C-alpha atoms as a PDB file:
ATOM      1  CA  MET A   1      66.445  10.540 -31.469  1.00  0.00           C
ATOM      2  CA  SER A   2      62.741  11.201 -31.181  1.00  0.00           C
ATOM      3  CA  GLU A   3      60.638  10.092 -27.924  1.00  0.00           C
ATOM      4  CA  GLU A   4      58.746   7.929 -30.191  1.00  0.00           C
ATOM      5  CA  THR A   5      61.578   6.045 -31.389  1.00  0.00           C
ATOM      6  CA  ASN A   6      63.081   5.812 -27.839  1.00  0.00           C
ATOM      7  CA  ARG A   7      59.713   4.157 -26.698  1.00  0.00           C
ATOM      8  CA  LEU A   8      59.905   1.665 -29.545  1.00  0.00           C
ATOM      9  CA  ARG A   9      63.402   0.598 -28.673  1.00  0.00           C
ATOM     10  CA  TYR A  10      62.457  -0.105 -25.052  1.00  0.00           C
ATOM     11  CA  PHE A  11      59.011  -1.651 -25.877  1.00  0.00           C
ATOM     12  CA  PRO A  12      59.140  -4.547 -23.323  1.00  0.00           C
ATOM     13  CA  ILE A  13      58.346  -8.099 -23.808  1.00  0.00           C
ATOM     14  CA  THR A  14      56.768  -8.037 -20.357  1.00  0.00           C
ATOM     15  CA  LEU A  15      53.864  -6.406 -21.677  1.00  0.00           C
ATOM     16  CA  LEU A  16      52.494  -9.695 -23.382  1.00  0.00           C
ATOM     17  CA  PRO A  17      50.972 -10.687 -20.010  1.00  0.00           C
ATOM     18  CA  THR A  18      48.609  -8.084 -20.365  1.00  0.00           C
ATOM     19  CA  VAL A  19      46.866 -10.242 -23.098  1.00  0.00           C
ATOM     20  CA  MET A  20      46.943 -13.278 -21.086  1.00  0.00           C
ATOM     21  CA  GLY A  21      45.137 -11.585 -18.275  1.00  0.00           C
ATOM     22  CA  LEU A  22      42.552  -9.784 -20.117  1.00  0.00           C
ATOM     23  CA  THR A  23      41.749 -12.855 -22.432  1.00  0.00           C
ATOM     24  CA  GLY A  24      41.468 -15.083 -19.440  1.00  0.00           C
ATOM     25  CA  LEU A  25      39.163 -12.693 -17.943  1.00  0.00           C
ATOM     26  CA  SER A  26      37.024 -12.742 -21.103  1.00  0.00           C
ATOM     27  CA  ILE A  27      36.867 -16.440 -20.646  1.00  0.00           C
ATOM     28  CA  VAL A  28      35.777 -16.089 -17.144  1.00  0.00           C
ATOM     29  CA  PHE A  29      32.963 -13.836 -18.213  1.00  0.00           C
ATOM     30  CA  PHE A  30      31.612 -16.322 -20.858  1.00  0.00           C
ATOM     31  CA  LYS A  31      31.341 -18.908 -17.919  1.00  0.00           C
ATOM     32  CA  LEU A  32      29.750 -16.101 -15.673  1.00  0.00           C
ATOM     33  CA  GLN A  33      27.292 -15.633 -18.416  1.00  0.00           C
ATOM     34  CA  HIS A  34      26.503 -19.354 -18.754  1.00  0.00           C
ATOM     35  CA  VAL A  35      26.079 -19.948 -15.113  1.00  0.00           C
ATOM     36  CA  LEU A  36      23.984 -16.811 -14.585  1.00  0.00           C
ATOM     37  CA  HIS A  37      22.088 -17.084 -17.901  1.00  0.00           C
ATOM     38  CA  LEU A  38      23.089 -13.440 -18.670  1.00  0.00           C
ATOM     39  CA  ASP A  39      22.278 -11.871 -21.984  1.00  0.00           C
ATOM     40  CA  VAL A  40      24.888  -9.143 -21.615  1.00  0.00           C
ATOM     41  CA  PRO A  41      27.706  -9.817 -23.979  1.00  0.00           C
ATOM     42  CA  LEU A  42      30.506  -9.312 -21.439  1.00  0.00           C
ATOM     43  CA  GLY A  43      32.738 -12.152 -22.911  1.00  0.00           C
ATOM     44  CA  PRO A  44      32.549 -11.274 -26.639  1.00  0.00           C
ATOM     45  CA  GLY A  45      33.062  -7.689 -26.039  1.00  0.00           C
ATOM     46  CA  LEU A  46      36.249  -8.269 -23.997  1.00  0.00           C
ATOM     47  CA  LEU A  47      37.464 -10.999 -26.360  1.00  0.00           C
ATOM     48  CA  TYR A  48      37.362  -8.581 -29.526  1.00  0.00           C
ATOM     49  CA  PHE A  49      39.310  -5.948 -27.462  1.00  0.00           C
ATOM     50  CA  CYS A  50      41.815  -8.584 -26.418  1.00  0.00           C
ATOM     51  CA  THR A  51      42.226  -9.673 -30.131  1.00  0.00           C
ATOM     52  CA  ALA A  52      42.801  -5.946 -31.239  1.00  0.00           C
ATOM     53  CA  TRP A  53      45.343  -5.472 -28.304  1.00  0.00           C
ATOM     54  CA  PHE A  54      47.332  -8.564 -29.139  1.00  0.00           C
ATOM     55  CA  GLY A  55      47.474  -7.635 -32.787  1.00  0.00           C
ATOM     56  CA  PHE A  56      48.839  -4.043 -31.797  1.00  0.00           C
ATOM     57  CA  LEU A  57      51.530  -5.656 -29.576  1.00  0.00           C
ATOM     58  CA  LEU A  58      52.444  -8.137 -32.382  1.00  0.00           C
ATOM     59  CA  VAL A  59      52.780  -5.046 -34.834  1.00  0.00           C
ATOM     60  CA  MET A  60      55.045  -3.181 -32.367  1.00  0.00           C
ATOM     61  CA  TYR A  61      57.287  -6.187 -31.544  1.00  0.00           C
ATOM     62  CA  ALA A  62      57.503  -6.757 -35.420  1.00  0.00           C
ATOM     63  CA  VAL A  63      58.599  -3.184 -36.232  1.00  0.00           C
ATOM     64  CA  LYS A  64      60.968  -3.319 -32.955  1.00  0.00           C
ATOM     65  CA  PHE A  65      62.552  -6.559 -34.523  1.00  0.00           C
ATOM     66  CA  VAL A  66      63.178  -4.721 -37.990  1.00  0.00           C
ATOM     67  CA  ARG A  67      64.413  -1.471 -36.396  1.00  0.00           C
ATOM     68  CA  TYR A  68      66.013  -2.642 -33.065  1.00  0.00           C
ATOM     69  CA  ARG A  69      66.777  -6.276 -33.668  1.00  0.00           C
ATOM     70  CA  GLU A  70      69.806  -6.228 -31.284  1.00  0.00           C
ATOM     71  CA  GLU A  71      67.493  -4.883 -28.408  1.00  0.00           C
ATOM     72  CA  LEU A  72      65.067  -7.946 -29.082  1.00  0.00           C
ATOM     73  CA  VAL A  73      67.806 -10.393 -29.264  1.00  0.00           C
ATOM     74  CA  GLU A  74      69.253  -9.110 -25.966  1.00  0.00           C
ATOM     75  CA  GLU A  75      65.880  -9.696 -24.332  1.00  0.00           C
ATOM     76  CA  PHE A  76      65.615 -13.250 -25.651  1.00  0.00           C
ATOM     77  CA  ARG A  77      69.279 -13.729 -24.058  1.00  0.00           C
ATOM     78  CA  HIS A  78      67.998 -12.496 -20.719  1.00  0.00           C
ATOM     79  CA  PRO A  79      67.555 -15.206 -18.107  1.00  0.00           C
ATOM     80  CA  ILE A  80      64.265 -13.671 -16.995  1.00  0.00           C
ATOM     81  CA  ARG A  81      62.838 -11.982 -19.965  1.00  0.00           C
ATOM     82  CA  VAL A  82      63.141 -14.872 -22.322  1.00  0.00           C
ATOM     83  CA  ASN A  83      60.513 -16.585 -20.371  1.00  0.00           C
ATOM     84  CA  PHE A  84      57.922 -13.919 -21.398  1.00  0.00           C
ATOM     85  CA  PHE A  85      58.116 -14.786 -25.193  1.00  0.00           C
ATOM     86  CA  PRO A  86      56.049 -17.896 -24.875  1.00  0.00           C
ATOM     87  CA  ALA A  87      53.303 -15.593 -23.804  1.00  0.00           C
ATOM     88  CA  ILE A  88      52.923 -14.760 -27.697  1.00  0.00           C
ATOM     89  CA  SER A  89      51.946 -18.493 -28.256  1.00  0.00           C
ATOM     90  CA  ILE A  90      50.044 -18.746 -25.064  1.00  0.00           C
ATOM     91  CA  SER A  91      48.039 -15.585 -26.022  1.00  0.00           C
ATOM     92  CA  PHE A  92      47.241 -17.360 -29.394  1.00  0.00           C
ATOM     93  CA  LEU A  93      46.006 -20.419 -27.421  1.00  0.00           C
ATOM     94  CA  LEU A  94      43.972 -18.424 -25.014  1.00  0.00           C
ATOM     95  CA  LEU A  95      42.252 -16.434 -27.738  1.00  0.00           C
ATOM     96  CA  ALA A  96      41.391 -19.869 -29.345  1.00  0.00           C
ATOM     97  CA  ILE A  97      39.686 -20.800 -26.068  1.00  0.00           C
ATOM     98  CA  GLY A  98      37.742 -17.702 -26.101  1.00  0.00           C
ATOM     99  CA  TYR A  99      36.591 -17.988 -29.601  1.00  0.00           C
ATOM    100  CA  LEU A 100      35.423 -21.476 -28.910  1.00  0.00           C
ATOM    101  CA  GLU A 101      33.535 -20.159 -25.994  1.00  0.00           C
ATOM    102  CA  ASN A 102      32.059 -17.558 -28.501  1.00  0.00           C
ATOM    103  CA  GLY A 103      31.026 -20.409 -30.986  1.00  0.00           C
ATOM    104  CA  ASP A 104      33.574 -19.677 -33.700  1.00  0.00           C
ATOM    105  CA  LEU A 105      35.092 -23.042 -34.116  1.00  0.00           C
ATOM    106  CA  GLY A 106      37.006 -21.960 -37.402  1.00  0.00           C
ATOM    107  CA  LEU A 107      38.783 -19.064 -35.921  1.00  0.00           C
ATOM    108  CA  ALA A 108      39.543 -20.992 -32.817  1.00  0.00           C
ATOM    109  CA  ARG A 109      41.082 -23.910 -34.863  1.00  0.00           C
ATOM    110  CA  VAL A 110      43.459 -21.357 -36.880  1.00  0.00           C
ATOM    111  CA  LEU A 111      44.592 -19.802 -33.672  1.00  0.00           C
ATOM    112  CA  TRP A 112      45.418 -23.004 -31.890  1.00  0.00           C
ATOM    113  CA  TRP A 113      47.270 -24.422 -34.841  1.00  0.00           C
ATOM    114  CA  ILE A 114      49.390 -21.218 -34.750  1.00  0.00           C
ATOM    115  CA  GLY A 115      49.915 -21.271 -30.970  1.00  0.00           C
ATOM    116  CA  ALA A 116      50.487 -24.845 -30.422  1.00  0.00           C
ATOM    117  CA  PRO A 117      53.326 -25.599 -32.801  1.00  0.00           C
ATOM    118  CA  LEU A 118      54.876 -21.985 -31.975  1.00  0.00           C
ATOM    119  CA  HIS A 119      54.840 -22.780 -28.378  1.00  0.00           C
ATOM    120  CA  LEU A 120      56.647 -26.157 -28.917  1.00  0.00           C
ATOM    121  CA  VAL A 121      59.349 -24.268 -30.812  1.00  0.00           C
ATOM    122  CA  LEU A 122      59.808 -21.739 -28.062  1.00  0.00           C
ATOM    123  CA  LEU A 123      59.679 -24.283 -25.410  1.00  0.00           C
ATOM    124  CA  LEU A 124      62.412 -26.324 -27.140  1.00  0.00           C
ATOM    125  CA  VAL A 125      64.667 -23.240 -27.744  1.00  0.00           C
ATOM    126  CA  ILE A 126      64.256 -21.897 -24.264  1.00  0.00           C
ATOM    127  CA  LEU A 127      64.911 -25.500 -22.730  1.00  0.00           C
ATOM    128  CA  GLY A 128      68.129 -25.651 -24.760  1.00  0.00           C
ATOM    129  CA  GLY A 129      69.183 -22.530 -22.961  1.00  0.00           C
ATOM    130  CA  TRP A 130      68.439 -23.987 -19.810  1.00  0.00           C
ATOM    131  CA  PHE A 131      70.338 -27.181 -20.403  1.00  0.00           C
ATOM    132  CA  HIS A 132      73.437 -25.483 -21.833  1.00  0.00           C
ATOM    133  CA  LYS A 133      73.759 -22.140 -20.100  1.00  0.00           C
ATOM    134  CA  ALA A 134      75.002 -21.369 -16.662  1.00  0.00           C
ATOM    135  CA  TYR A 135      72.352 -19.695 -14.799  1.00  0.00           C
ATOM    136  CA  HIS A 136      72.729 -18.380 -11.138  1.00  0.00           C
ATOM    137  CA  ILE A 137      70.143 -19.566  -8.853  1.00  0.00           C
ATOM    138  CA  HIS A 138      69.141 -16.051  -7.957  1.00  0.00           C
ATOM    139  CA  SER A 139      68.011 -15.428 -11.530  1.00  0.00           C
ATOM    140  CA  PHE A 140      65.453 -18.129 -11.147  1.00  0.00           C
ATOM    141  CA  ASN A 141      61.883 -16.814 -10.115  1.00  0.00           C
ATOM    142  CA  PRO A 142      58.320 -17.957 -10.880  1.00  0.00           C
ATOM    143  CA  ALA A 143      58.389 -16.182 -14.347  1.00  0.00           C
ATOM    144  CA  TRP A 144      60.321 -19.432 -15.437  1.00  0.00           C
ATOM    145  CA  PHE A 145      57.053 -21.195 -15.163  1.00  0.00           C
ATOM    146  CA  ILE A 146      55.468 -19.168 -18.216  1.00  0.00           C
ATOM    147  CA  PRO A 147      56.988 -21.665 -20.912  1.00  0.00           C
ATOM    148  CA  VAL A 148      55.943 -24.742 -19.119  1.00  0.00           C
ATOM    149  CA  VAL A 149      52.331 -23.482 -18.287  1.00  0.00           C
ATOM    150  CA  GLY A 150      51.725 -23.201 -22.086  1.00  0.00           C
ATOM    151  CA  PRO A 151      51.684 -26.949 -22.801  1.00  0.00           C
ATOM    152  CA  LEU A 152      48.823 -27.326 -20.009  1.00  0.00           C
ATOM    153  CA  ILE A 153      46.989 -24.725 -21.921  1.00  0.00           C
ATOM    154  CA  VAL A 154      47.046 -26.424 -25.325  1.00  0.00           C
ATOM    155  CA  PRO A 155      44.531 -29.330 -24.426  1.00  0.00           C
ATOM    156  CA  VAL A 156      41.747 -26.874 -23.227  1.00  0.00           C
ATOM    157  CA  ALA A 157      40.916 -26.055 -26.908  1.00  0.00           C
ATOM    158  CA  GLY A 158      42.947 -28.883 -28.458  1.00  0.00           C
ATOM    159  CA  VAL A 159      40.549 -31.617 -27.515  1.00  0.00           C
ATOM    160  CA  GLN A 160      37.938 -30.023 -29.802  1.00  0.00           C
ATOM    161  CA  VAL A 161      40.180 -28.744 -32.691  1.00  0.00           C
ATOM    162  CA  ALA A 162      42.896 -31.560 -32.953  1.00  0.00           C
ATOM    163  CA  HIS A 163      43.618 -35.235 -32.401  1.00  0.00           C
ATOM    164  CA  PRO A 164      43.527 -35.845 -28.528  1.00  0.00           C
ATOM    165  CA  GLU A 165      46.902 -37.562 -28.637  1.00  0.00           C
ATOM    166  CA  ILE A 166      48.501 -34.265 -29.500  1.00  0.00           C
ATOM    167  CA  SER A 167      46.838 -32.669 -26.310  1.00  0.00           C
ATOM    168  CA  TRP A 168      48.215 -35.605 -24.223  1.00  0.00           C
ATOM    169  CA  PHE A 169      51.635 -34.894 -25.563  1.00  0.00           C
ATOM    170  CA  PHE A 170      51.658 -31.344 -24.599  1.00  0.00           C
ATOM    171  CA  PHE A 171      49.825 -32.039 -21.148  1.00  0.00           C
ATOM    172  CA  ALA A 172      52.522 -34.674 -20.157  1.00  0.00           C
ATOM    173  CA  THR A 173      55.162 -32.247 -21.181  1.00  0.00           C
ATOM    174  CA  GLY A 174      53.853 -29.345 -19.021  1.00  0.00           C
ATOM    175  CA  LEU A 175      52.973 -31.620 -16.038  1.00  0.00           C
ATOM    176  CA  MET A 176      56.458 -33.080 -15.800  1.00  0.00           C
ATOM    177  CA  TYR A 177      58.231 -29.871 -15.996  1.00  0.00           C
ATOM    178  CA  TRP A 178      55.998 -28.033 -13.674  1.00  0.00           C
ATOM    179  CA  VAL A 179      56.709 -30.622 -11.052  1.00  0.00           C
ATOM    180  CA  PHE A 180      60.546 -30.238 -11.859  1.00  0.00           C
ATOM    181  CA  LEU A 181      60.509 -26.355 -11.747  1.00  0.00           C
ATOM    182  CA  GLN A 182      58.321 -26.648  -8.400  1.00  0.00           C
ATOM    183  CA  SER A 183      61.308 -28.214  -6.725  1.00  0.00           C
ATOM    184  CA  VAL A 184      63.872 -25.782  -8.027  1.00  0.00           C
ATOM    185  CA  LEU A 185      61.608 -22.788  -6.948  1.00  0.00           C
ATOM    186  CA  THR A 186      61.148 -24.363  -3.530  1.00  0.00           C
ATOM    187  CA  ASN A 187      64.842 -24.523  -3.109  1.00  0.00           C
ATOM    188  CA  ARG A 188      65.378 -21.110  -4.412  1.00  0.00           C
ATOM    189  CA  ILE A 189      62.796 -19.613  -1.925  1.00  0.00           C
ATOM    190  CA  PHE A 190      63.642 -21.582   1.124  1.00  0.00           C
ATOM    191  CA  PHE A 191      67.480 -21.541   0.934  1.00  0.00           C
ATOM    192  CA  HIS A 192      68.563 -18.440  -0.774  1.00  0.00           C
ATOM    193  CA  ASP A 193      67.902 -14.714  -0.599  1.00  0.00           C
ATOM    194  CA  PRO A 194      64.169 -13.332  -0.918  1.00  0.00           C
ATOM    195  CA  LEU A 195      62.819 -12.564  -4.305  1.00  0.00           C
ATOM    196  CA  PRO A 196      63.396  -8.839  -5.389  1.00  0.00           C
ATOM    197  CA  GLU A 197      60.392  -6.630  -4.590  1.00  0.00           C
ATOM    198  CA  LYS A 198      59.414  -6.111  -8.245  1.00  0.00           C
ATOM    199  CA  LEU A 199      59.371  -9.841  -8.855  1.00  0.00           C
ATOM    200  CA  LEU A 200      56.841 -10.702  -5.811  1.00  0.00           C
ATOM    201  CA  PRO A 201      53.827 -10.503  -8.158  1.00  0.00           C
ATOM    202  CA  THR A 202      55.297 -13.396 -10.079  1.00  0.00           C
ATOM    203  CA  LEU A 203      54.596 -15.523  -7.178  1.00  0.00           C
ATOM    204  CA  PHE A 204      50.981 -15.754  -8.239  1.00  0.00           C
ATOM    205  CA  ILE A 205      52.120 -17.656 -11.367  1.00  0.00           C
ATOM    206  CA  LEU A 206      52.264 -20.641  -8.823  1.00  0.00           C
ATOM    207  CA  ILE A 207      48.554 -20.903  -9.083  1.00  0.00           C
ATOM    208  CA  ALA A 208      48.373 -21.331 -12.882  1.00  0.00           C
ATOM    209  CA  PRO A 209      49.968 -24.834 -13.278  1.00  0.00           C
ATOM    210  CA  PRO A 210      47.440 -26.766 -10.914  1.00  0.00           C
ATOM    211  CA  ALA A 211      44.537 -24.798 -11.942  1.00  0.00           C
ATOM    212  CA  VAL A 212      45.054 -24.947 -15.713  1.00  0.00           C
ATOM    213  CA  GLY A 213      46.465 -28.662 -15.358  1.00  0.00           C
ATOM    214  CA  PHE A 214      43.028 -29.394 -13.532  1.00  0.00           C
ATOM    215  CA  ILE A 215      41.136 -27.887 -16.563  1.00  0.00           C
ATOM    216  CA  ALA A 216      43.150 -29.643 -19.147  1.00  0.00           C
ATOM    217  CA  TYR A 217      42.964 -32.994 -17.402  1.00  0.00           C
ATOM    218  CA  VAL A 218      39.339 -32.984 -16.952  1.00  0.00           C
ATOM    219  CA  LYS A 219      38.849 -31.956 -20.710  1.00  0.00           C
ATOM    220  CA  LEU A 220      41.358 -34.772 -21.784  1.00  0.00           C
ATOM    221  CA  SER A 221      39.810 -37.515 -19.472  1.00  0.00           C
ATOM    222  CA  GLY A 222      36.139 -36.289 -19.248  1.00  0.00           C
ATOM    223  CA  ASP A 223      36.264 -37.214 -15.603  1.00  0.00           C
ATOM    224  CA  LEU A 224      36.408 -35.759 -12.161  1.00  0.00           C
ATOM    225  CA  ASP A 225      39.007 -38.540 -10.743  1.00  0.00           C
ATOM    226  CA  VAL A 226      41.319 -38.562  -7.938  1.00  0.00           C
ATOM    227  CA  PHE A 227      44.057 -37.059  -9.935  1.00  0.00           C
ATOM    228  CA  ALA A 228      41.871 -34.259 -11.210  1.00  0.00           C
ATOM    229  CA  LYS A 229      41.028 -33.467  -7.414  1.00  0.00           C
ATOM    230  CA  LEU A 230      44.517 -33.556  -6.402  1.00  0.00           C
ATOM    231  CA  LEU A 231      45.402 -30.853  -8.975  1.00  0.00           C
ATOM    232  CA  PHE A 232      42.185 -28.633  -8.066  1.00  0.00           C
ATOM    233  CA  TYR A 233      42.703 -28.775  -4.536  1.00  0.00           C
ATOM    234  CA  PHE A 234      46.647 -27.915  -4.808  1.00  0.00           C
ATOM    235  CA  GLY A 235      45.531 -24.927  -6.628  1.00  0.00           C
ATOM    236  CA  VAL A 236      43.254 -24.005  -3.826  1.00  0.00           C
ATOM    237  CA  PHE A 237      46.065 -24.423  -1.146  1.00  0.00           C
ATOM    238  CA  SER A 238      48.166 -22.276  -3.470  1.00  0.00           C
ATOM    239  CA  VAL A 239      45.575 -19.553  -3.364  1.00  0.00           C
ATOM    240  CA  LEU A 240      45.285 -19.841   0.423  1.00  0.00           C
ATOM    241  CA  MET A 241      49.042 -19.659   0.840  1.00  0.00           C
ATOM    242  CA  LEU A 242      49.303 -16.540  -1.247  1.00  0.00           C
ATOM    243  CA  LEU A 243      46.367 -15.055   0.635  1.00  0.00           C
ATOM    244  CA  THR A 244      48.585 -15.182   3.954  1.00  0.00           C
ATOM    245  CA  MET A 245      50.999 -12.937   2.179  1.00  0.00           C
ATOM    246  CA  VAL A 246      48.644 -10.285   0.859  1.00  0.00           C
ATOM    247  CA  ASP A 247      50.130  -7.525   3.017  1.00  0.00           C
ATOM    248  CA  ARG A 248      53.456  -7.992   1.304  1.00  0.00           C
ATOM    249  CA  PHE A 249      51.962  -7.762  -2.129  1.00  0.00           C
ATOM    250  CA  ARG A 250      49.924  -4.796  -1.049  1.00  0.00           C
ATOM    251  CA  ARG A 251      53.264  -2.932  -0.407  1.00  0.00           C
ATOM    252  CA  VAL A 252      54.696  -3.632  -3.653  1.00  0.00           C
ATOM    253  CA  PRO A 253      54.916  -0.464  -5.770  1.00  0.00           C
ATOM    254  CA  TYR A 254      53.643  -0.534  -9.443  1.00  0.00           C
ATOM    255  CA  PHE A 255      55.784  -2.565 -11.876  1.00  0.00           C
ATOM    256  CA  VAL A 256      54.652  -4.160 -15.184  1.00  0.00           C
ATOM    257  CA  SER A 257      55.057  -7.327 -13.103  1.00  0.00           C
ATOM    258  CA  TRP A 258      51.846  -6.546 -11.439  1.00  0.00           C
ATOM    259  CA  TRP A 259      50.124  -8.229 -14.439  1.00  0.00           C
ATOM    260  CA  GLY A 260      51.683 -11.358 -12.888  1.00  0.00           C
ATOM    261  CA  TYR A 261      48.388 -11.242 -10.606  1.00  0.00           C
ATOM    262  CA  THR A 262      46.019 -11.510 -13.584  1.00  0.00           C
ATOM    263  CA  PHE A 263      46.113 -14.722 -15.476  1.00  0.00           C
ATOM    264  CA  PRO A 264      46.712 -17.032 -12.458  1.00  0.00           C
ATOM    265  CA  LEU A 265      43.549 -15.521 -10.917  1.00  0.00           C
ATOM    266  CA  ASP A 266      41.685 -16.083 -14.159  1.00  0.00           C
ATOM    267  CA  ALA A 267      42.751 -19.747 -14.270  1.00  0.00           C
ATOM    268  CA  PHE A 268      41.727 -20.341 -10.731  1.00  0.00           C
ATOM    269  CA  THR A 269      38.269 -18.845 -11.322  1.00  0.00           C
ATOM    270  CA  LEU A 270      37.889 -20.854 -14.366  1.00  0.00           C
ATOM    271  CA  SER A 271      38.732 -23.982 -12.308  1.00  0.00           C
ATOM    272  CA  LEU A 272      36.163 -23.176  -9.715  1.00  0.00           C
ATOM    273  CA  TYR A 273      33.481 -22.956 -12.544  1.00  0.00           C
ATOM    274  CA  LEU A 274      34.568 -26.217 -13.931  1.00  0.00           C
ATOM    275  CA  MET A 275      34.367 -27.898 -10.380  1.00  0.00           C
ATOM    276  CA  TYR A 276      30.825 -26.458 -10.088  1.00  0.00           C
ATOM    277  CA  MET A 277      29.811 -27.613 -13.562  1.00  0.00           C
ATOM    278  CA  LYS A 278      31.071 -31.212 -12.678  1.00  0.00           C
ATOM    279  CA  THR A 279      29.732 -31.458  -9.116  1.00  0.00           C
ATOM    280  CA  GLN A 280      26.871 -28.947  -9.011  1.00  0.00           C
ATOM    281  CA  ALA A 281      28.087 -27.942  -5.398  1.00  0.00           C
ATOM    282  CA  PRO A 282      26.649 -24.687  -4.174  1.00  0.00           C
ATOM    283  CA  LEU A 283      29.814 -23.840  -2.424  1.00  0.00           C
ATOM    284  CA  ALA A 284      31.858 -24.214  -5.736  1.00  0.00           C
ATOM    285  CA  LYS A 285      29.335 -21.887  -7.660  1.00  0.00           C
ATOM    286  CA  TRP A 286      29.634 -19.126  -4.913  1.00  0.00           C
ATOM    287  CA  ALA A 287      33.368 -19.504  -4.648  1.00  0.00           C
ATOM    288  CA  ALA A 288      33.409 -19.203  -8.590  1.00  0.00           C
ATOM    289  CA  LEU A 289      31.181 -16.100  -8.480  1.00  0.00           C
ATOM    290  CA  THR A 290      33.163 -14.523  -5.543  1.00  0.00           C
ATOM    291  CA  MET A 291      36.512 -15.198  -7.421  1.00  0.00           C
ATOM    292  CA  THR A 292      35.009 -13.540 -10.470  1.00  0.00           C
ATOM    293  CA  GLY A 293      34.335 -10.311  -8.597  1.00  0.00           C
ATOM    294  CA  VAL A 294      37.879 -10.439  -7.000  1.00  0.00           C
ATOM    295  CA  THR A 295      39.674 -11.324 -10.207  1.00  0.00           C
ATOM    296  CA  THR A 296      37.709  -8.537 -12.107  1.00  0.00           C
ATOM    297  CA  LEU A 297      38.730  -5.926  -9.488  1.00  0.00           C
ATOM    298  CA  VAL A 298      42.232  -6.816  -9.404  1.00  0.00           C
ATOM    299  CA  ILE A 299      42.508  -6.765 -13.318  1.00  0.00           C
ATOM    300  CA  LEU A 300      40.767  -3.461 -13.312  1.00  0.00           C
ATOM    301  CA  VAL A 301      43.087  -1.797 -10.697  1.00  0.00           C
ATOM    302  CA  VAL A 302      46.245  -3.128 -12.694  1.00  0.00           C
ATOM    303  CA  ALA A 303      44.828  -2.058 -16.008  1.00  0.00           C
ATOM    304  CA  VAL A 304      44.003   1.454 -14.595  1.00  0.00           C
ATOM    305  CA  LYS A 305      47.252   1.816 -12.826  1.00  0.00           C
ATOM    306  CA  THR A 306      49.161   0.637 -16.161  1.00  0.00           C
ATOM    307  CA  VAL A 307      47.362   3.180 -18.136  1.00  0.00           C
ATOM    308  CA  GLN A 308      48.336   5.855 -15.698  1.00  0.00           C
ATOM    309  CA  VAL A 309      51.948   4.968 -15.576  1.00  0.00           C
ATOM    310  CA  ALA A 310      52.107   4.713 -19.430  1.00  0.00           C
ATOM    311  CA  SER A 311      50.505   8.079 -19.784  1.00  0.00           C
ATOM    312  CA  ARG A 312      53.406   9.447 -17.708  1.00  0.00           C
ATOM    313  CA  GLY A 313      55.985   7.838 -19.920  1.00  0.00           C
ATOM    314  CA  GLY A 314      56.865   5.258 -17.347  1.00  0.00           C
ATOM    315  CA  ILE A 315      56.370   1.955 -19.347  1.00  0.00           C
ATOM    316  CA  CYS A 316      58.787   2.044 -22.359  1.00  0.00           C
ATOM    317  CA  VAL A 317      61.918   3.051 -20.630  1.00  0.00           C
ATOM    318  CA  PRO A 318      65.326   1.448 -20.018  1.00  0.00           C
ATOM    319  CA  GLU A 319      65.240  -1.261 -17.260  1.00  0.00           C
ATOM    320  CA  LYS A 320      66.703   0.097 -14.087  1.00  0.00           C
END
């Protein structure tokens, strides 16, 4: 068997968060351009790259499905890896947001109408597994939040491309299941063995639901009310909590799970920009600009490290 064939066999679904992290950063750059009135097309350039990269990944997974269907099915049956499949639909939704920022309403609408129904199907299938399969508590980790973060992303572009009641449906679904999983994760972390080292970066996913939920709720309601502030400040607390653990994260060797740092930081940075736009508070502006720098640096480091490891043949290999 050739080396290329071997790599295709082990092409991991866990690479999809790369699209989420990079596309989220492109949206951050759009906000940066708006706030600072920059003429440099940072957002569009990265958005086009993300579109091409997502297309490449989809082609690779399609070929893998044709040639190594059993391996792909095995990934879908895995209690952890199955939660990365909704990253496909989430990527469509994030690209829709990006193209809305880029002024391309038509393409954004097409991407959204692919992503939203697809995510609903994936969520229903995965929830069916949760309800009818016996999972051990130690298989639970923050990656399980990925399917329920998706519905919270739907309204961000959905309010402009579809009937608002559709977005309310997704928002309510994501919000309720986030609260449910938050309690399960608290039990998992407080009363059972610590997370494996390679899964520690997934703790950053805890930032995403309140940050994305805040953005979605403000988009839906158009107001910065008490509930919006609850979501926003819980997101702020989540970031502060993880900041106290930075030394632990710094010691984690490279895994593809490092990409778990990226999209949550994007989401939090975007929530800061939205708070600034709603309040015009200087502190919110400087926090958003600071987080833009931090998020860009983190994603740059993760991307460079990923390229280095991939060039040494360390990505598409059997899981140890």
